[in-house]
Amino acid sequence: MSTPTRYGIIGCGMMGQEHIRNIALLPDTQVHAIFEPDAGMRREAAALVPDVQFASSVAELLAVNALDCLVIASPNHCHAGQISEIARIRPLPLLVEKPLLTDPADIEPLQQVIAAYPAPVWVAMEYRYMPPISALLLTAPEVTGGIRMLSIREHRFPFLEKVGDWNRFNAKTGGTFVEKCCHFFDLMRLAIGSEPVRVMASADQSVNHLDESYDGQTPDIIDNGYVIVDFANGARAMLELCMFAEGARYQEEISAVGPAGRIEAFVPGPGRFWPADLGPAPTPLLELSPRHPKRPEVREIPVDPELLEAGDHNGSTFYQHRGFLELVQGARAAPDVSFADGLMAVRMGMAAQQSALTGQAVTMGSA
């Protein structure tokens, strides 16, 4: 009987628990130890992993000799400091949730830490692995003849409640375009295959959280906006975000267009939010629209119900973890999403935040 790959988890809120459920679907794995400072989240994690060992700090977690790798799923503003602490004490293979960091001042110090980090670091960009989006990424080069325009629309629910309400404020999230939208900036780079050169944004906090108060402070995160990104190869991309549109059939709609045609992916939101009286939740779709001959084709991209049950990200967390496990076990040489990938997605989000604030386009390199 083989020895299981043993995980340490930092942070067991909503996303940390999703990681735990998906690790449990992989063969020969075990969540062995957890650091989670909130008592309520510890109880929920213990219900998922009854025999797990709890640590009272990151340092105590790293002292658990049996660990083979780590997952960071703590609040955004904790990531940079925790990565640095892990590097100093015991640099294990690391899967770190997006965004890598929230403060521009942390960029250079963290780059230095990672340059000397002896183990692989994989940045968690779950949207890459959603089956309809994976299918789009795979098929787009042939259907489009090379993407020249990419449009991503997310119409979704407001930010959910998190421990300590950390996701209500720019200071702890990095701002909505960093916290939520780094996924989409990562997809833009991946699909287009080029680097951003200019970012323009318009955004506001129009509806959500305006009647909330925490320690006398009103939340300051934006809930809607547009971002346009110009790329070095001449392609351009646009993000349309609305976080008060959960009545929509599909949460994400992605359209890629090139000289040969168009391809679109339609991704429903979490099934647990779909009204039961409307019947089954929508099935993800892929639509291919070549120019010559004109023959639009719609393909259903169903997702394994067991994977849908394990989390809110259309099965993607499982596929991400399967790849990370292969990396930890030496079956693949490098992470799909490198530190550099994760950092560029954050820098694009920071540029969008700056552009929305100032009304000026931001040249990448000055963000």
Protein backbone atom coordinates (compact mmCIF):
# COMPACT_ATOMS: atom_id res chain seq x y z
CA MET A 1 0.00 0.00 0.00
CA SER A 2 1.50 3.34 -1.07
CA THR A 3 2.06 6.19 1.35
CA PRO A 4 -0.45 8.99 0.71
CA THR A 5 0.64 12.48 -0.29
CA ARG A 6 0.06 14.56 2.83
CA TYR A 7 -1.20 18.15 2.57
CA GLY A 8 -1.01 21.04 4.97
CA ILE A 9 -3.75 23.64 4.58
CA ILE A 10 -3.45 27.30 5.60
CA GLY A 11 -6.94 28.78 5.84
CA CYS A 12 -10.15 26.74 5.91
CA GLY A 13 -12.83 29.22 5.03
CA MET A 14 -15.07 28.72 2.02
CA MET A 15 -12.24 28.21 -0.48
CA GLY A 16 -10.07 26.18 1.88
CA GLN A 17 -12.96 23.76 2.41
CA GLU A 18 -13.40 23.47 -1.36
CA HIS A 19 -9.74 22.50 -1.61
CA ILE A 20 -10.22 19.87 1.11
CA ARG A 21 -13.23 18.31 -0.64
CA ASN A 22 -11.39 18.11 -3.95
CA ILE A 23 -8.19 16.68 -2.45
CA ALA A 24 -10.40 13.94 -1.01
CA LEU A 25 -11.39 12.94 -4.56
CA LEU A 26 -7.78 12.24 -5.54
CA PRO A 27 -6.22 8.79 -4.97
CA ASP A 28 -3.66 8.31 -2.18
CA THR A 29 -3.96 11.79 -0.68
CA GLN A 30 -4.60 13.03 2.83
CA VAL A 31 -5.17 16.42 4.42
CA HIS A 32 -2.88 15.85 7.37
CA ALA A 33 -2.63 19.22 9.16
CA ILE A 34 -4.42 22.58 9.14
CA PHE A 35 -3.75 26.09 10.39
CA GLU A 36 -7.02 27.99 10.76
CA PRO A 37 -7.30 30.66 13.48
CA ASP A 38 -11.11 30.96 13.39
CA ALA A 39 -12.91 28.54 15.72
CA GLY A 40 -16.00 28.24 13.51
CA MET A 41 -13.97 27.40 10.42
CA ARG A 42 -11.94 24.86 12.43
CA ARG A 43 -15.16 23.08 13.36
CA GLU A 44 -16.27 22.96 9.74
CA ALA A 45 -12.86 21.68 8.62
CA ALA A 46 -12.88 19.03 11.34
CA ALA A 47 -16.24 17.79 10.06
CA LEU A 48 -14.64 17.28 6.63
CA VAL A 49 -11.42 15.71 7.97
CA PRO A 50 -12.19 14.19 11.39
CA ASP A 51 -8.65 12.95 12.10
CA VAL A 52 -6.80 16.07 10.98
CA GLN A 53 -4.14 17.70 13.15
CA PHE A 54 -4.63 21.41 13.89
CA ALA A 55 -1.73 23.83 14.30
CA SER A 56 -1.83 27.17 16.11
CA SER A 57 0.44 29.00 13.63
CA VAL A 58 2.11 28.66 10.26
CA ALA A 59 5.36 27.80 12.04
CA GLU A 60 3.68 25.02 14.03
CA LEU A 61 2.12 23.67 10.83
CA LEU A 62 5.53 23.58 9.15
CA ALA A 63 6.91 21.61 12.09
CA VAL A 64 4.67 18.66 11.13
CA ASN A 65 7.30 16.44 9.54
CA ALA A 66 4.89 14.26 7.54
CA LEU A 67 3.78 17.08 5.23
CA ASP A 68 4.61 16.79 1.53
CA CYS A 69 3.06 20.04 0.29
CA LEU A 70 1.01 23.08 1.28
CA VAL A 71 -2.12 24.90 0.13
CA ILE A 72 -2.55 28.57 1.06
CA ALA A 73 -6.22 29.59 1.12
CA SER A 74 -6.05 32.37 3.70
CA PRO A 75 -7.36 35.94 3.16
CA ASN A 76 -5.63 37.77 0.32
CA HIS A 77 -3.58 40.17 2.41
CA CYS A 78 -1.97 37.26 4.28
CA HIS A 79 -0.48 35.51 1.23
CA ALA A 80 2.77 37.45 0.76
CA GLY A 81 3.79 37.21 4.42
CA GLN A 82 2.91 33.52 4.65
CA ILE A 83 4.85 32.65 1.49
CA SER A 84 7.89 34.45 2.91
CA GLU A 85 7.54 32.65 6.25
CA ILE A 86 7.28 29.28 4.53
CA ALA A 87 10.35 30.07 2.43
CA ARG A 88 12.31 30.95 5.55
CA ILE A 89 11.29 27.92 7.63
CA ARG A 90 10.49 25.02 5.29
CA PRO A 91 9.91 25.62 1.57
CA LEU A 92 7.56 22.82 0.57
CA PRO A 93 5.76 22.57 -2.82
CA LEU A 94 3.09 25.23 -2.67
CA LEU A 95 -0.34 25.83 -4.19
CA VAL A 96 -1.27 29.41 -3.31
CA GLU A 97 -4.68 30.89 -3.93
CA LYS A 98 -5.00 33.99 -6.04
CA PRO A 99 -4.17 36.80 -5.74
CA LEU A 100 -0.52 36.33 -4.80
CA LEU A 101 -0.44 39.69 -3.03
CA THR A 102 -2.46 42.85 -2.50
CA ASP A 103 0.18 45.53 -1.81
CA PRO A 104 2.49 46.74 -4.61
CA ALA A 105 5.22 47.17 -2.01
CA ASP A 106 5.32 43.37 -1.63
CA ILE A 107 6.11 42.69 -5.30
CA GLU A 108 9.89 43.09 -5.26
CA PRO A 109 10.51 41.36 -1.89
CA LEU A 110 8.32 38.40 -2.91
CA GLN A 111 10.09 38.12 -6.27
CA GLN A 112 13.36 37.78 -4.37
CA VAL A 113 11.87 35.13 -2.10
CA ILE A 114 10.59 33.08 -5.05
CA ALA A 115 13.86 33.42 -6.98
CA ALA A 116 15.53 31.41 -4.20
CA TYR A 117 12.59 29.09 -3.45
CA PRO A 118 13.79 25.50 -4.05
CA ALA A 119 10.35 23.87 -4.49
CA PRO A 120 7.62 24.48 -7.11
CA VAL A 121 5.02 27.21 -6.58
CA TRP A 122 1.67 26.88 -8.38
CA VAL A 123 -0.76 29.83 -8.34
CA ALA A 124 -4.39 28.73 -8.08
CA MET A 125 -6.20 30.06 -11.16
CA GLU A 126 -9.23 27.78 -11.17
CA TYR A 127 -10.97 29.37 -14.15
CA ARG A 128 -8.38 27.88 -16.54
CA TYR A 129 -9.72 24.43 -15.66
CA MET A 130 -13.47 24.95 -15.96
CA PRO A 131 -14.38 22.37 -18.65
CA PRO A 132 -16.11 24.82 -21.05
CA ILE A 133 -13.24 27.31 -20.71
CA SER A 134 -10.64 24.56 -21.14
CA ALA A 135 -12.47 23.50 -24.29
CA LEU A 136 -12.46 27.08 -25.58
CA LEU A 137 -8.74 27.47 -24.91
CA LEU A 138 -8.02 24.19 -26.72
CA THR A 139 -10.23 24.88 -29.72
CA ALA A 140 -9.86 28.65 -30.16
CA PRO A 141 -6.66 28.70 -32.26
CA GLU A 142 -8.24 26.57 -34.99
CA VAL A 143 -11.72 28.14 -34.91
CA THR A 144 -10.55 31.77 -34.79
CA GLY A 145 -7.36 31.53 -36.83
CA GLY A 146 -5.66 33.43 -34.01
CA ILE A 147 -7.52 35.53 -31.45
CA ARG A 148 -7.67 39.25 -32.22
CA MET A 149 -10.52 40.16 -29.85
CA LEU A 150 -11.43 38.52 -26.55
CA SER A 151 -14.43 39.47 -24.45
CA ILE A 152 -15.13 38.14 -20.95
CA ARG A 153 -18.43 38.93 -19.26
CA GLU A 154 -19.11 37.92 -15.67
CA HIS A 155 -22.56 38.68 -14.31
CA ARG A 156 -22.71 37.19 -10.85
CA PHE A 157 -23.74 37.43 -7.20
CA PRO A 158 -22.22 39.90 -4.72
CA PHE A 159 -19.23 39.01 -2.58
CA LEU A 160 -20.24 36.41 -0.01
CA GLU A 161 -19.70 36.78 3.72
CA LYS A 162 -16.19 35.82 4.83
CA VAL A 163 -14.51 35.48 8.23
CA GLY A 164 -13.94 38.93 9.68
CA ASP A 165 -15.56 40.49 6.60
CA TRP A 166 -12.10 40.88 5.07
CA ASN A 167 -13.48 40.83 1.51
CA ARG A 168 -15.40 44.09 1.99
CA PHE A 169 -12.38 46.38 1.80
CA ASN A 170 -9.71 47.24 -0.78
CA ALA A 171 -7.00 47.24 1.86
CA LYS A 172 -7.37 43.50 2.43
CA THR A 173 -8.51 42.33 -1.01
CA GLY A 174 -6.38 44.49 -3.25
CA GLY A 175 -9.61 45.77 -4.80
CA THR A 176 -12.19 43.87 -6.84
CA PHE A 177 -10.13 43.90 -10.05
CA VAL A 178 -7.30 42.23 -8.12
CA GLU A 179 -9.32 39.96 -5.83
CA LYS A 180 -11.94 38.70 -8.25
CA CYS A 181 -10.70 39.55 -11.71
CA CYS A 182 -7.09 38.34 -11.67
CA HIS A 183 -8.63 35.06 -12.94
CA PHE A 184 -9.81 36.84 -16.06
CA PHE A 185 -6.58 38.72 -16.67
CA ASP A 186 -4.79 35.37 -16.45
CA LEU A 187 -7.19 33.94 -19.05
CA MET A 188 -6.57 36.91 -21.35
CA ARG A 189 -2.81 36.34 -21.35
CA LEU A 190 -3.21 32.59 -21.76
CA ALA A 191 -5.71 32.78 -24.64
CA ILE A 192 -4.04 35.61 -26.53
CA GLY A 193 -0.47 34.44 -25.94
CA SER A 194 0.96 37.92 -25.52
CA GLU A 195 1.75 40.41 -22.79
CA PRO A 196 -0.41 43.44 -21.85
CA VAL A 197 0.88 46.88 -22.73
CA ARG A 198 -2.00 49.17 -21.70
CA VAL A 199 -4.98 48.91 -19.33
CA MET A 200 -8.03 51.19 -19.27
CA ALA A 201 -10.90 50.84 -16.80
CA SER A 202 -14.13 52.45 -15.67
CA ALA A 203 -15.78 51.14 -12.49
CA ASP A 204 -17.84 52.02 -9.44
CA GLN A 205 -19.51 50.71 -6.30
CA SER A 206 -23.11 51.28 -7.34
CA VAL A 207 -25.29 48.78 -5.45
CA ASN A 208 -23.60 46.29 -3.13
CA HIS A 209 -22.63 46.68 0.55
CA LEU A 210 -23.46 50.39 0.71
CA ASP A 211 -25.76 49.84 3.71
CA GLU A 212 -23.16 47.77 5.59
CA SER A 213 -20.79 49.02 8.29
CA TYR A 214 -17.85 47.30 9.96
CA ASP A 215 -16.20 49.08 12.89
CA GLY A 216 -17.72 52.28 11.57
CA GLN A 217 -16.33 51.76 8.06
CA THR A 218 -18.45 51.36 4.90
CA PRO A 219 -17.14 48.80 2.39
CA ASP A 220 -15.26 50.37 -0.52
CA ILE A 221 -15.06 47.54 -3.07
CA ILE A 222 -16.37 48.16 -6.59
CA ASP A 223 -19.24 46.00 -7.83
CA ASN A 224 -19.27 46.77 -11.56
CA GLY A 225 -16.92 47.93 -14.27
CA TYR A 226 -15.31 47.58 -17.66
CA VAL A 227 -11.63 46.94 -18.39
CA ILE A 228 -9.96 47.11 -21.82
CA VAL A 229 -6.50 45.61 -22.26
CA ASP A 230 -4.23 46.15 -25.26
CA PHE A 231 -1.65 43.43 -25.93
CA ALA A 232 1.79 43.58 -27.49
CA ASN A 233 0.74 41.47 -30.49
CA GLY A 234 -2.05 43.91 -31.40
CA ALA A 235 -4.90 41.88 -29.92
CA ARG A 236 -7.24 43.41 -27.39
CA ALA A 237 -9.46 42.11 -24.63
CA MET A 238 -12.36 43.42 -22.58
CA LEU A 239 -13.78 42.46 -19.21
CA GLU A 240 -17.34 43.34 -18.23
CA LEU A 241 -18.05 42.73 -14.55
CA CYS A 242 -21.37 43.09 -12.74
CA MET A 243 -21.77 41.73 -9.21
CA PHE A 244 -25.51 42.33 -8.87
CA ALA A 245 -26.69 40.11 -11.72
CA GLU A 246 -27.11 36.68 -10.16
CA GLY A 247 -30.44 36.23 -11.96
CA ALA A 248 -28.60 35.40 -15.18
CA ARG A 249 -28.65 31.90 -16.68
CA TYR A 250 -24.90 31.95 -17.24
CA GLN A 251 -22.37 33.55 -14.93
CA GLU A 252 -19.46 33.77 -17.37
CA GLU A 253 -19.67 34.27 -21.13
CA ILE A 254 -16.37 34.30 -23.01
CA SER A 255 -16.09 35.22 -26.69
CA ALA A 256 -12.92 34.92 -28.79
CA VAL A 257 -12.85 36.19 -32.36
CA GLY A 258 -10.27 35.99 -35.13
CA PRO A 259 -10.09 36.14 -38.91
CA ALA A 260 -11.48 32.61 -39.29
CA GLY A 261 -14.37 32.74 -36.85
CA ARG A 262 -15.69 33.04 -33.33
CA ILE A 263 -15.88 30.69 -30.36
CA GLU A 264 -17.85 31.27 -27.16
CA ALA A 265 -18.08 29.53 -23.80
CA PHE A 266 -21.11 29.79 -21.50
CA VAL A 267 -20.50 28.88 -17.85
CA PRO A 268 -23.27 28.67 -15.23
CA GLY A 269 -22.70 29.83 -11.68
CA PRO A 270 -22.60 27.58 -8.61
CA GLY A 271 -25.37 24.99 -8.74
CA ARG A 272 -26.31 25.62 -5.11
CA PHE A 273 -27.55 29.08 -6.10
CA TRP A 274 -29.78 27.84 -8.95
CA PRO A 275 -33.51 27.91 -8.02
CA ALA A 276 -34.67 24.30 -7.56
CA ASP A 277 -38.14 25.11 -8.94
CA LEU A 278 -36.56 25.88 -12.33
CA GLY A 279 -35.32 22.33 -12.71
CA PRO A 280 -31.69 21.27 -13.29
CA ALA A 281 -29.02 23.94 -13.40
CA PRO A 282 -27.92 25.00 -16.89
CA THR A 283 -25.36 22.86 -18.72
CA PRO A 284 -22.17 24.63 -19.84
CA LEU A 285 -22.01 25.27 -23.57
CA LEU A 286 -19.42 25.88 -26.26
CA GLU A 287 -20.54 27.58 -29.50
CA LEU A 288 -18.35 27.52 -32.60
CA SER A 289 -19.12 30.03 -35.37
CA PRO A 290 -16.81 29.75 -38.40
CA ARG A 291 -17.05 32.48 -41.03
CA HIS A 292 -16.71 30.19 -44.06
CA PRO A 293 -18.92 28.29 -44.32
CA LYS A 294 -21.39 29.77 -41.84
CA ARG A 295 -22.24 26.76 -39.68
CA PRO A 296 -22.77 27.71 -36.03
CA GLU A 297 -22.44 24.64 -33.81
CA VAL A 298 -23.42 24.34 -30.16
CA ARG A 299 -21.76 21.69 -27.99
CA GLU A 300 -22.78 20.78 -24.47
CA ILE A 301 -19.85 20.47 -22.06
CA PRO A 302 -21.30 18.60 -19.06
CA VAL A 303 -19.39 18.47 -15.80
CA ASP A 304 -19.18 15.41 -13.54
CA PRO A 305 -21.88 15.89 -10.83
CA GLU A 306 -19.44 14.70 -8.16
CA LEU A 307 -17.08 17.52 -9.08
CA LEU A 308 -19.91 20.06 -9.08
CA GLU A 309 -20.83 18.89 -5.59
CA ALA A 310 -17.25 19.42 -4.36
CA GLY A 311 -17.14 23.16 -5.00
CA ASP A 312 -18.40 26.32 -6.66
CA HIS A 313 -16.02 26.46 -9.63
CA ASN A 314 -17.55 24.14 -12.23
CA GLY A 315 -15.29 21.20 -11.38
CA SER A 316 -12.11 23.17 -12.02
CA THR A 317 -10.62 22.85 -8.53
CA PHE A 318 -10.38 19.09 -8.97
CA TYR A 319 -8.54 19.33 -12.30
CA GLN A 320 -6.19 21.92 -10.83
CA HIS A 321 -5.43 19.67 -7.86
CA ARG A 322 -4.86 16.69 -10.11
CA GLY A 323 -2.15 18.65 -11.89
CA PHE A 324 -0.64 19.93 -8.66
CA LEU A 325 -0.49 16.39 -7.27
CA GLU A 326 1.40 15.27 -10.38
CA LEU A 327 3.82 18.12 -9.80
CA VAL A 328 4.37 17.17 -6.16
CA GLN A 329 4.90 13.53 -7.11
CA GLY A 330 7.40 14.45 -9.84
CA ALA A 331 5.18 13.40 -12.75
CA ARG A 332 5.36 16.88 -14.31
CA ALA A 333 8.25 19.28 -14.44
CA ALA A 334 6.61 22.66 -13.83
CA PRO A 335 3.36 24.22 -12.62
CA ASP A 336 0.72 25.21 -15.14
CA VAL A 337 0.46 28.63 -13.50
CA SER A 338 3.84 29.99 -12.45
CA PHE A 339 4.60 32.69 -9.92
CA ALA A 340 5.29 35.02 -12.85
CA ASP A 341 1.84 34.23 -14.31
CA GLY A 342 0.14 34.92 -11.00
CA LEU A 343 2.09 38.13 -10.48
CA MET A 344 1.24 39.49 -13.93
CA ALA A 345 -2.46 38.84 -13.29
CA VAL A 346 -2.17 40.85 -10.07
CA ARG A 347 -0.30 43.67 -11.81
CA MET A 348 -3.03 43.85 -14.46
CA GLY A 349 -5.65 44.05 -11.70
CA MET A 350 -3.70 46.79 -9.95
CA ALA A 351 -3.45 48.70 -13.22
CA ALA A 352 -7.22 48.39 -13.69
CA GLN A 353 -7.84 49.63 -10.14
CA GLN A 354 -5.54 52.61 -10.79
CA SER A 355 -7.14 53.42 -14.13
CA ALA A 356 -10.65 53.29 -12.66
CA LEU A 357 -9.56 55.61 -9.85
CA THR A 358 -7.75 58.18 -11.98
CA GLY A 359 -9.64 57.96 -15.27
CA GLN A 360 -6.31 57.52 -17.07
CA ALA A 361 -5.00 54.58 -19.08
CA VAL A 362 -2.10 52.78 -17.40
CA THR A 363 0.92 51.62 -19.36
CA MET A 364 2.08 48.28 -18.05
CA GLY A 365 5.38 48.71 -16.31
CA SER A 366 4.08 51.83 -14.56
CA ALA A 367 1.34 50.06 -12.58
